[in-house]
């Protein structure tokens, strides 16, 4: 699976550990940064390119990291087609993928230890969307809202 990783300074070291573990499990890794530690960097600069790659299907899933996971989650969810969630335990990760077709897992390096994060990424990458009609219907409704909002921002002739 082709996996994108993005992290600000707070998630920088955890991104290294998680991407190494995913690579060792046979996944193709795309790093969206940060590429060096910078205490003044800002997560949108890395998360937006990752989210756009999800939207364009250049990567199948993404892992976004910051201190709490909240900021990267908010940023990722601004991009149409991205379904990002913060989860720090396996049930939510698995159910997020199986029921909601979660495609970006957001983790907080200040609230989770590296081994737990590695385990959650493994659950995320090994879980599959069930494809049940009710879940597809819910995702379609979200997509319709994203399309409507995009149309409202651009106008009918610009979409």
Protein backbone atom coordinates (compact mmCIF):
# COMPACT_ATOMS: atom_id res chain seq x y z
CA UNK A 1 0.00 0.00 0.00
CA UNK A 2 1.22 3.53 -0.77
CA UNK A 3 1.12 5.54 2.47
CA UNK A 4 1.69 9.26 2.96
CA UNK A 5 3.19 10.67 6.14
CA UNK A 6 3.11 14.28 7.36
CA UNK A 7 4.20 15.83 10.65
CA UNK A 8 5.14 19.14 12.16
CA UNK A 9 7.94 19.54 14.70
CA UNK A 10 5.90 17.86 17.44
CA UNK A 11 5.38 14.72 15.38
CA UNK A 12 8.73 14.79 13.59
CA UNK A 13 10.44 11.96 15.50
CA UNK A 14 7.33 9.79 15.69
CA UNK A 15 6.90 10.14 11.91
CA UNK A 16 10.38 8.70 11.45
CA UNK A 17 9.58 5.70 13.68
CA UNK A 18 6.18 5.04 12.09
CA UNK A 19 7.38 5.37 8.50
CA UNK A 20 10.27 2.98 9.20
CA UNK A 21 7.86 0.43 10.68
CA UNK A 22 5.45 0.78 7.73
CA UNK A 23 8.31 0.43 5.25
CA UNK A 24 9.51 -2.69 7.10
CA UNK A 25 5.98 -4.12 6.68
CA UNK A 26 6.32 -3.69 2.91
CA UNK A 27 4.48 -0.42 2.36
CA UNK A 28 5.60 2.26 -0.09
CA UNK A 29 6.14 5.49 1.84
CA UNK A 30 5.68 9.05 0.61
CA UNK A 31 7.01 11.69 3.02
CA UNK A 32 5.27 15.07 2.87
CA UNK A 33 7.50 16.59 5.55
CA UNK A 34 8.71 18.00 7.76
CA UNK A 35 12.09 16.96 6.43
CA UNK A 36 14.07 18.53 9.26
CA UNK A 37 13.21 19.56 12.78
CA UNK A 38 12.03 23.18 12.98
CA UNK A 39 10.31 24.25 16.19
CA UNK A 40 8.55 27.04 14.29
CA UNK A 41 7.04 25.01 11.46
CA UNK A 42 3.29 24.67 11.08
CA UNK A 43 1.33 21.48 10.38
CA UNK A 44 -0.89 22.85 7.57
CA UNK A 45 2.23 23.17 5.39
CA UNK A 46 2.65 19.37 5.49
CA UNK A 47 -0.89 18.12 6.03
CA UNK A 48 -2.50 19.94 3.10
CA UNK A 49 -0.18 18.29 0.52
CA UNK A 50 -0.83 14.89 2.14
CA UNK A 51 -4.59 15.47 2.09
CA UNK A 52 -4.43 16.60 -1.54
CA UNK A 53 -2.53 13.42 -2.42
CA UNK A 54 -5.34 11.41 -0.78
CA UNK A 55 -7.92 13.36 -2.81
CA UNK A 56 -6.00 12.74 -6.04
CA UNK A 57 -5.48 9.06 -5.12
CA UNK A 58 -1.70 9.44 -5.28
CA UNK A 59 -1.53 7.70 -1.90
CA UNK A 60 -4.07 5.25 -0.51
CA UNK A 61 -3.91 6.29 3.13
CA UNK A 62 -2.22 8.91 5.24
CA UNK A 63 -0.73 9.30 8.69
CA UNK A 64 -0.67 12.85 10.09
CA UNK A 65 1.12 13.77 13.29
CA UNK A 66 1.32 16.75 15.62
CA UNK A 67 1.34 17.11 19.40
CA UNK A 68 -2.26 16.09 20.07
CA UNK A 69 -3.44 14.92 16.63
CA UNK A 70 -6.23 17.50 16.73
CA UNK A 71 -4.67 20.21 14.56
CA UNK A 72 -3.62 17.86 11.77
CA UNK A 73 -7.08 16.28 11.84
CA UNK A 74 -8.83 19.63 11.44
CA UNK A 75 -6.52 20.59 8.57
CA UNK A 76 -6.81 17.25 6.74
CA UNK A 77 -10.60 17.29 6.90
CA UNK A 78 -10.72 20.60 5.01
CA UNK A 79 -9.83 18.73 1.80
CA UNK A 80 -12.73 17.08 -0.03
CA UNK A 81 -12.60 13.29 0.01
CA UNK A 82 -10.47 13.11 3.14
CA UNK A 83 -11.90 11.30 6.12
CA UNK A 84 -9.43 11.94 8.93
CA UNK A 85 -9.80 11.05 12.58
CA UNK A 86 -7.81 11.20 15.78
CA UNK A 87 -7.74 7.83 17.48
CA UNK A 88 -5.48 6.53 20.21
CA UNK A 89 -6.94 3.05 20.64
CA UNK A 90 -7.48 0.13 18.25
CA UNK A 91 -11.28 -0.15 18.31
CA UNK A 92 -11.79 3.37 16.96
CA UNK A 93 -9.10 2.91 14.32
CA UNK A 94 -10.54 -0.40 13.08
CA UNK A 95 -14.15 0.80 13.18
CA UNK A 96 -13.16 4.07 11.51
CA UNK A 97 -11.80 2.17 8.54
CA UNK A 98 -14.44 -0.58 8.41
CA UNK A 99 -17.48 1.70 8.80
CA UNK A 100 -16.36 5.16 7.70
CA UNK A 101 -13.60 4.38 5.18
CA UNK A 102 -11.14 6.40 7.27
CA UNK A 103 -8.23 7.35 5.02
CA UNK A 104 -6.09 9.56 7.29
CA UNK A 105 -5.12 8.51 10.79
CA UNK A 106 -4.13 11.42 13.03
CA UNK A 107 -1.98 10.79 16.08
CA UNK A 108 -0.59 12.99 18.82
CA UNK A 109 3.02 12.42 19.79
CA UNK A 110 2.43 14.04 23.20
CA UNK A 111 -0.34 11.61 24.12
CA UNK A 112 0.78 8.26 22.71
CA UNK A 113 3.97 6.25 23.06
CA UNK A 114 5.82 5.12 19.93
CA UNK A 115 5.04 1.40 20.30
CA UNK A 116 1.33 2.07 20.75
CA UNK A 117 1.44 4.33 17.70
CA UNK A 118 3.16 1.60 15.65
CA UNK A 119 0.44 -0.85 16.70
CA UNK A 120 -2.35 1.58 15.75
CA UNK A 121 -0.79 2.26 12.36
CA UNK A 122 -0.67 -1.51 11.79
CA UNK A 123 -4.37 -1.80 12.66
CA UNK A 124 -5.13 1.15 10.35
CA UNK A 125 -3.20 -0.31 7.41
CA UNK A 126 -4.57 -3.82 7.87
CA UNK A 127 -8.23 -2.85 8.25
CA UNK A 128 -10.54 -2.68 5.23
CA UNK A 129 -13.71 -0.75 4.49
CA UNK A 130 -16.69 -3.12 4.72
CA UNK A 131 -18.49 -1.52 1.79
CA UNK A 132 -21.89 -2.08 3.36
CA UNK A 133 -24.65 -0.08 1.69
CA UNK A 134 -25.43 2.01 4.76
CA UNK A 135 -21.80 3.07 5.12
CA UNK A 136 -21.45 3.88 1.41
CA UNK A 137 -24.65 5.94 1.68
CA UNK A 138 -23.25 7.95 4.62
CA UNK A 139 -19.98 8.63 2.80
CA UNK A 140 -21.91 9.71 -0.31
CA UNK A 141 -23.89 12.20 1.80
CA UNK A 142 -20.64 13.68 3.13
CA UNK A 143 -19.32 13.94 -0.43
CA UNK A 144 -22.48 15.74 -1.53
CA UNK A 145 -22.02 18.27 1.27
CA UNK A 146 -18.38 18.80 0.27
CA UNK A 147 -19.44 19.37 -3.35
CA UNK A 148 -22.19 21.79 -2.34
CA UNK A 149 -19.81 23.78 -0.13
CA UNK A 150 -17.19 23.92 -2.90
CA UNK A 151 -19.84 25.16 -5.34
CA UNK A 152 -20.98 27.83 -2.88
CA UNK A 153 -17.42 29.12 -2.54
CA UNK A 154 -16.61 29.21 -6.24
CA UNK A 155 -19.96 29.92 -7.88
CA UNK A 156 -21.77 27.76 -10.42
CA UNK A 157 -19.55 28.65 -13.39
CA UNK A 158 -16.25 28.05 -11.58
CA UNK A 159 -16.66 24.52 -10.19
